[in-house]
């Protein structure tokens, strides 16, 4: 039971990280890109200021939601975990269903 609680606590912590609109914007921008992006490229894509992007990327990296790679003098960020991509994509689809009033699939199990 303790192992299960540790997992649940970590899941809750990750959902808390994902509850920030700026972080979701950064993640979806990285998902939409066909390559890893630098902080400046993320700033251009999201229209967020550089200090904001850097801070949010630090949090996302800490929780292994984004990855980073140093290339020359640049640090490039990306999303390479299929679990993250699937979770965010599924939530986007859920919200799209809500917006247009379509029923959600039933009997998933």
N, C-alpha and C. Protein backbone atom coordinates (compact mmCIF):
# COMPACT_ATOMS: atom_id res chain seq x y z
N UNK A 1 0.82 -1.20 0.00
CA UNK A 1 0.00 0.00 0.00
C UNK A 1 0.87 1.26 0.00
N UNK A 2 2.03 1.21 0.69
CA UNK A 2 2.91 2.38 0.71
C UNK A 2 3.43 2.70 -0.68
N UNK A 3 3.77 1.66 -1.45
CA UNK A 3 4.25 1.87 -2.82
C UNK A 3 3.17 2.55 -3.66
N UNK A 4 1.93 2.09 -3.49
CA UNK A 4 0.83 2.69 -4.24
C UNK A 4 0.66 4.15 -3.86
N UNK A 5 0.78 4.47 -2.58
CA UNK A 5 0.63 5.86 -2.14
C UNK A 5 1.77 6.73 -2.67
N UNK A 6 2.97 6.19 -2.74
CA UNK A 6 4.09 6.95 -3.31
C UNK A 6 3.83 7.28 -4.77
N UNK A 7 3.30 6.32 -5.49
CA UNK A 7 2.98 6.54 -6.90
C UNK A 7 1.88 7.58 -7.03
N UNK A 8 0.84 7.47 -6.21
CA UNK A 8 -0.27 8.42 -6.25
C UNK A 8 0.22 9.83 -5.92
N UNK A 9 1.09 9.95 -4.95
CA UNK A 9 1.65 11.27 -4.60
C UNK A 9 2.43 11.86 -5.77
N UNK A 10 3.19 11.03 -6.45
CA UNK A 10 3.96 11.51 -7.60
C UNK A 10 3.04 11.90 -8.76
N UNK A 11 2.00 11.10 -8.98
CA UNK A 11 1.01 11.43 -10.02
C UNK A 11 0.36 12.77 -9.71
N UNK A 12 -0.01 12.99 -8.46
CA UNK A 12 -0.62 14.26 -8.06
C UNK A 12 0.34 15.42 -8.28
N UNK A 13 1.61 15.21 -7.97
CA UNK A 13 2.61 16.27 -8.17
C UNK A 13 2.74 16.60 -9.65
N UNK A 14 2.73 15.60 -10.50
CA UNK A 14 2.84 15.85 -11.94
C UNK A 14 1.60 16.56 -12.46
N UNK A 15 0.42 16.15 -12.01
CA UNK A 15 -0.80 16.85 -12.43
C UNK A 15 -0.78 18.30 -11.96
N UNK A 16 -0.22 18.55 -10.81
CA UNK A 16 -0.08 19.93 -10.33
C UNK A 16 0.82 20.72 -11.28
N UNK A 17 1.91 20.11 -11.71
CA UNK A 17 2.81 20.76 -12.67
C UNK A 17 2.06 21.03 -13.97
N UNK A 18 1.25 20.10 -14.41
CA UNK A 18 0.51 20.24 -15.66
C UNK A 18 -0.70 21.15 -15.54
N UNK A 19 -1.00 21.65 -14.36
CA UNK A 19 -2.17 22.51 -14.18
C UNK A 19 -1.89 23.97 -14.53
N UNK A 20 -0.69 24.28 -14.96
CA UNK A 20 -0.30 25.65 -15.27
C UNK A 20 -0.47 25.90 -16.78
N UNK A 21 -1.24 26.93 -17.14
CA UNK A 21 -1.51 27.22 -18.55
C UNK A 21 -0.24 27.49 -19.35
N UNK A 22 0.70 28.19 -18.76
CA UNK A 22 1.94 28.50 -19.47
C UNK A 22 2.72 27.22 -19.77
N UNK A 23 2.74 26.31 -18.83
CA UNK A 23 3.45 25.05 -19.05
C UNK A 23 2.78 24.23 -20.14
N UNK A 24 1.46 24.21 -20.14
CA UNK A 24 0.74 23.49 -21.19
C UNK A 24 1.02 24.12 -22.55
N UNK A 25 1.05 25.44 -22.60
CA UNK A 25 1.37 26.14 -23.84
C UNK A 25 2.76 25.76 -24.34
N UNK A 26 3.71 25.73 -23.44
CA UNK A 26 5.08 25.34 -23.82
C UNK A 26 5.12 23.89 -24.30
N UNK A 27 4.47 23.00 -23.58
CA UNK A 27 4.46 21.58 -23.96
C UNK A 27 3.82 21.40 -25.33
N UNK A 28 2.67 22.04 -25.56
CA UNK A 28 2.00 21.86 -26.85
C UNK A 28 2.81 22.49 -27.98
N UNK A 29 3.51 23.56 -27.70
CA UNK A 29 4.39 24.15 -28.72
C UNK A 29 5.51 23.19 -29.08
N UNK A 30 6.07 22.54 -28.08
CA UNK A 30 7.11 21.55 -28.34
C UNK A 30 6.55 20.34 -29.08
N UNK A 31 5.34 19.93 -28.73
CA UNK A 31 4.72 18.80 -29.41
C UNK A 31 4.44 19.12 -30.87
N UNK A 32 4.04 20.36 -31.15
CA UNK A 32 3.71 20.76 -32.52
C UNK A 32 4.95 20.96 -33.39
N UNK A 33 6.08 21.23 -32.76
CA UNK A 33 7.31 21.46 -33.52
C UNK A 33 7.82 20.14 -34.10
N UNK A 34 8.46 20.23 -35.23
CA UNK A 34 9.01 19.02 -35.83
C UNK A 34 10.45 18.78 -35.40
N UNK A 35 10.89 19.55 -34.41
CA UNK A 35 12.26 19.43 -33.91
C UNK A 35 12.31 20.01 -32.50
N UNK A 36 13.41 19.81 -31.83
CA UNK A 36 13.61 20.44 -30.52
C UNK A 36 13.79 21.94 -30.72
N UNK A 37 13.42 22.71 -29.70
CA UNK A 37 13.46 24.17 -29.80
C UNK A 37 14.33 24.78 -28.72
N UNK A 38 14.94 25.90 -29.05
CA UNK A 38 15.69 26.68 -28.06
C UNK A 38 14.71 27.52 -27.25
N UNK A 39 15.20 28.08 -26.17
CA UNK A 39 14.36 28.96 -25.34
C UNK A 39 13.84 30.11 -26.19
N UNK A 40 14.70 30.72 -27.00
CA UNK A 40 14.27 31.84 -27.84
C UNK A 40 13.19 31.42 -28.83
N UNK A 41 13.32 30.24 -29.41
CA UNK A 41 12.29 29.75 -30.33
C UNK A 41 10.98 29.50 -29.60
N UNK A 42 11.06 28.98 -28.39
CA UNK A 42 9.84 28.76 -27.59
C UNK A 42 9.20 30.10 -27.26
N UNK A 43 10.01 31.10 -26.93
CA UNK A 43 9.49 32.44 -26.65
C UNK A 43 8.76 32.99 -27.86
N UNK A 44 9.35 32.85 -29.04
CA UNK A 44 8.71 33.33 -30.27
C UNK A 44 7.39 32.61 -30.51
N UNK A 45 7.39 31.31 -30.31
CA UNK A 45 6.21 30.50 -30.57
C UNK A 45 5.08 30.80 -29.58
N UNK A 46 5.43 30.98 -28.32
CA UNK A 46 4.41 31.13 -27.27
C UNK A 46 4.08 32.58 -26.94
N UNK A 47 4.93 33.51 -27.38
CA UNK A 47 4.79 34.94 -27.04
C UNK A 47 4.98 35.20 -25.55
N UNK A 48 5.69 34.30 -24.88
CA UNK A 48 6.02 34.48 -23.46
C UNK A 48 7.42 35.06 -23.35
N UNK A 49 7.66 35.81 -22.28
CA UNK A 49 8.98 36.39 -22.04
C UNK A 49 9.98 35.30 -21.68
N UNK A 50 11.25 35.57 -22.00
CA UNK A 50 12.31 34.59 -21.78
C UNK A 50 12.43 34.12 -20.34
N UNK A 51 12.38 35.03 -19.33
CA UNK A 51 12.47 34.53 -17.95
C UNK A 51 11.33 33.58 -17.58
N UNK A 52 10.14 33.85 -18.11
CA UNK A 52 8.98 32.99 -17.84
C UNK A 52 9.20 31.61 -18.45
N UNK A 53 9.63 31.59 -19.70
CA UNK A 53 9.86 30.32 -20.40
C UNK A 53 10.95 29.52 -19.69
N UNK A 54 12.04 30.19 -19.34
CA UNK A 54 13.15 29.50 -18.67
C UNK A 54 12.70 28.89 -17.35
N UNK A 55 11.93 29.64 -16.58
CA UNK A 55 11.46 29.13 -15.29
C UNK A 55 10.55 27.92 -15.48
N UNK A 56 9.62 28.02 -16.42
CA UNK A 56 8.67 26.93 -16.64
C UNK A 56 9.38 25.69 -17.20
N UNK A 57 10.36 25.90 -18.08
CA UNK A 57 11.12 24.76 -18.60
C UNK A 57 11.89 24.06 -17.48
N UNK A 58 12.41 24.83 -16.54
CA UNK A 58 13.11 24.23 -15.40
C UNK A 58 12.21 23.32 -14.60
N UNK A 59 10.98 23.76 -14.39
CA UNK A 59 10.02 22.94 -13.65
C UNK A 59 9.65 21.69 -14.46
N UNK A 60 9.38 21.88 -15.74
CA UNK A 60 9.02 20.75 -16.60
C UNK A 60 10.16 19.73 -16.70
N UNK A 61 11.38 20.22 -16.74
CA UNK A 61 12.55 19.33 -16.81
C UNK A 61 12.71 18.56 -15.50
N UNK A 62 12.50 19.23 -14.39
CA UNK A 62 12.63 18.59 -13.08
C UNK A 62 11.71 17.38 -12.97
N UNK A 63 10.52 17.50 -13.55
CA UNK A 63 9.55 16.41 -13.48
C UNK A 63 9.61 15.49 -14.71
N UNK A 64 10.66 15.63 -15.51
CA UNK A 64 10.91 14.77 -16.68
C UNK A 64 9.78 14.84 -17.70
N UNK A 65 9.17 16.01 -17.80
CA UNK A 65 8.11 16.21 -18.79
C UNK A 65 8.72 16.69 -20.10
N UNK A 66 9.81 17.44 -20.01
CA UNK A 66 10.57 17.81 -21.21
C UNK A 66 12.00 17.29 -21.05
N UNK A 67 12.66 17.15 -22.18
CA UNK A 67 14.07 16.77 -22.18
C UNK A 67 14.87 17.93 -22.75
N UNK A 68 16.16 17.93 -22.49
CA UNK A 68 16.99 18.98 -23.06
C UNK A 68 18.30 18.38 -23.54
N UNK A 69 18.87 19.08 -24.53
CA UNK A 69 20.12 18.63 -25.12
C UNK A 69 20.94 19.86 -25.47
N UNK A 70 22.19 19.85 -25.05
CA UNK A 70 23.08 20.96 -25.38
C UNK A 70 23.68 20.71 -26.75
N UNK A 71 23.50 21.69 -27.63
CA UNK A 71 24.04 21.62 -28.99
C UNK A 71 24.83 22.90 -29.22
N UNK A 72 26.14 22.77 -29.19
CA UNK A 72 26.99 23.96 -29.30
C UNK A 72 26.78 24.84 -28.08
N UNK A 73 26.39 26.08 -28.33
CA UNK A 73 26.13 27.00 -27.22
C UNK A 73 24.65 27.06 -26.86
N UNK A 74 23.82 26.32 -27.57
CA UNK A 74 22.37 26.34 -27.34
C UNK A 74 21.92 25.13 -26.54
N UNK A 75 20.84 25.30 -25.83
CA UNK A 75 20.15 24.19 -25.18
C UNK A 75 18.81 24.04 -25.88
N UNK A 76 18.56 22.86 -26.40
CA UNK A 76 17.32 22.59 -27.11
C UNK A 76 16.41 21.72 -26.25
N UNK A 77 15.13 22.05 -26.27
CA UNK A 77 14.14 21.34 -25.46
C UNK A 77 13.16 20.61 -26.36
N UNK A 78 12.68 19.48 -25.87
CA UNK A 78 11.71 18.71 -26.61
C UNK A 78 10.87 17.86 -25.67
N UNK A 79 9.89 17.21 -26.24
CA UNK A 79 9.05 16.26 -25.51
C UNK A 79 9.26 14.92 -26.20
N UNK A 80 9.95 14.00 -25.54
CA UNK A 80 10.21 12.71 -26.18
C UNK A 80 9.59 11.54 -25.43
N UNK A 81 8.78 11.83 -24.43
CA UNK A 81 8.12 10.78 -23.66
C UNK A 81 6.72 10.58 -24.22
N UNK A 82 6.43 9.43 -24.82
CA UNK A 82 5.11 9.22 -25.40
C UNK A 82 3.98 9.30 -24.38
N UNK A 83 4.26 9.03 -23.11
CA UNK A 83 3.23 9.16 -22.08
C UNK A 83 2.77 10.60 -21.94
N UNK A 84 3.72 11.52 -21.97
CA UNK A 84 3.39 12.95 -21.85
C UNK A 84 2.57 13.39 -23.06
N UNK A 85 3.04 13.02 -24.24
CA UNK A 85 2.34 13.40 -25.47
C UNK A 85 0.92 12.85 -25.46
N UNK A 86 0.77 11.60 -25.08
CA UNK A 86 -0.55 10.98 -25.06
C UNK A 86 -1.47 11.63 -24.03
N UNK A 87 -0.95 11.92 -22.85
CA UNK A 87 -1.75 12.54 -21.79
C UNK A 87 -2.26 13.91 -22.23
N UNK A 88 -1.37 14.73 -22.75
CA UNK A 88 -1.76 16.08 -23.18
C UNK A 88 -2.71 15.99 -24.37
N UNK A 89 -2.40 15.15 -25.34
CA UNK A 89 -3.26 15.00 -26.52
C UNK A 89 -4.65 14.52 -26.13
N UNK A 90 -4.73 13.56 -25.22
CA UNK A 90 -6.03 13.07 -24.76
C UNK A 90 -6.83 14.16 -24.07
N UNK A 91 -6.18 14.98 -23.26
CA UNK A 91 -6.90 16.05 -22.57
C UNK A 91 -7.39 17.09 -23.57
N UNK A 92 -6.57 17.39 -24.58
CA UNK A 92 -7.00 18.34 -25.61
C UNK A 92 -8.25 17.80 -26.32
N UNK A 93 -8.25 16.52 -26.65
CA UNK A 93 -9.42 15.91 -27.29
C UNK A 93 -10.63 15.95 -26.36
N UNK A 94 -10.42 15.71 -25.09
CA UNK A 94 -11.51 15.78 -24.10
C UNK A 94 -12.13 17.18 -24.10
N UNK A 95 -11.29 18.20 -24.07
CA UNK A 95 -11.78 19.58 -24.04
C UNK A 95 -12.49 19.92 -25.35
N UNK A 96 -11.98 19.47 -26.47
CA UNK A 96 -12.64 19.72 -27.76
C UNK A 96 -14.04 19.10 -27.77
N UNK A 97 -14.19 17.91 -27.19
CA UNK A 97 -15.52 17.31 -27.08
C UNK A 97 -16.43 18.19 -26.25
N UNK A 98 -15.92 18.70 -25.14
CA UNK A 98 -16.70 19.56 -24.26
C UNK A 98 -17.15 20.83 -24.98
N UNK A 99 -16.25 21.43 -25.74
CA UNK A 99 -16.54 22.70 -26.41
C UNK A 99 -17.68 22.54 -27.41
N UNK A 100 -17.66 21.48 -28.19
CA UNK A 100 -18.70 21.30 -29.21
C UNK A 100 -19.90 20.51 -28.69
N UNK A 101 -19.84 20.08 -27.45
CA UNK A 101 -20.98 19.38 -26.85
C UNK A 101 -21.14 17.94 -27.32
N UNK A 102 -20.08 17.35 -27.85
CA UNK A 102 -20.16 15.95 -28.28
C UNK A 102 -20.05 15.04 -27.06
N UNK A 103 -20.78 13.95 -27.07
CA UNK A 103 -20.64 13.01 -25.95
C UNK A 103 -19.28 12.31 -26.00
N UNK A 104 -18.82 11.96 -24.85
CA UNK A 104 -17.56 11.23 -24.75
C UNK A 104 -17.82 9.74 -24.94
N UNK A 105 -16.82 9.02 -25.42
CA UNK A 105 -16.98 7.57 -25.55
C UNK A 105 -17.32 6.93 -24.20
N UNK A 106 -18.14 5.93 -24.24
CA UNK A 106 -18.54 5.22 -23.02
C UNK A 106 -18.01 3.80 -23.06
N UNK A 107 -18.17 3.10 -21.95
CA UNK A 107 -17.78 1.69 -21.85
C UNK A 107 -16.33 1.47 -22.28
N UNK A 108 -15.44 2.17 -21.62
CA UNK A 108 -14.03 2.06 -21.97
C UNK A 108 -13.42 0.75 -21.50
N UNK A 109 -14.05 0.09 -20.57
CA UNK A 109 -13.48 -1.14 -20.03
C UNK A 109 -14.34 -2.32 -20.37
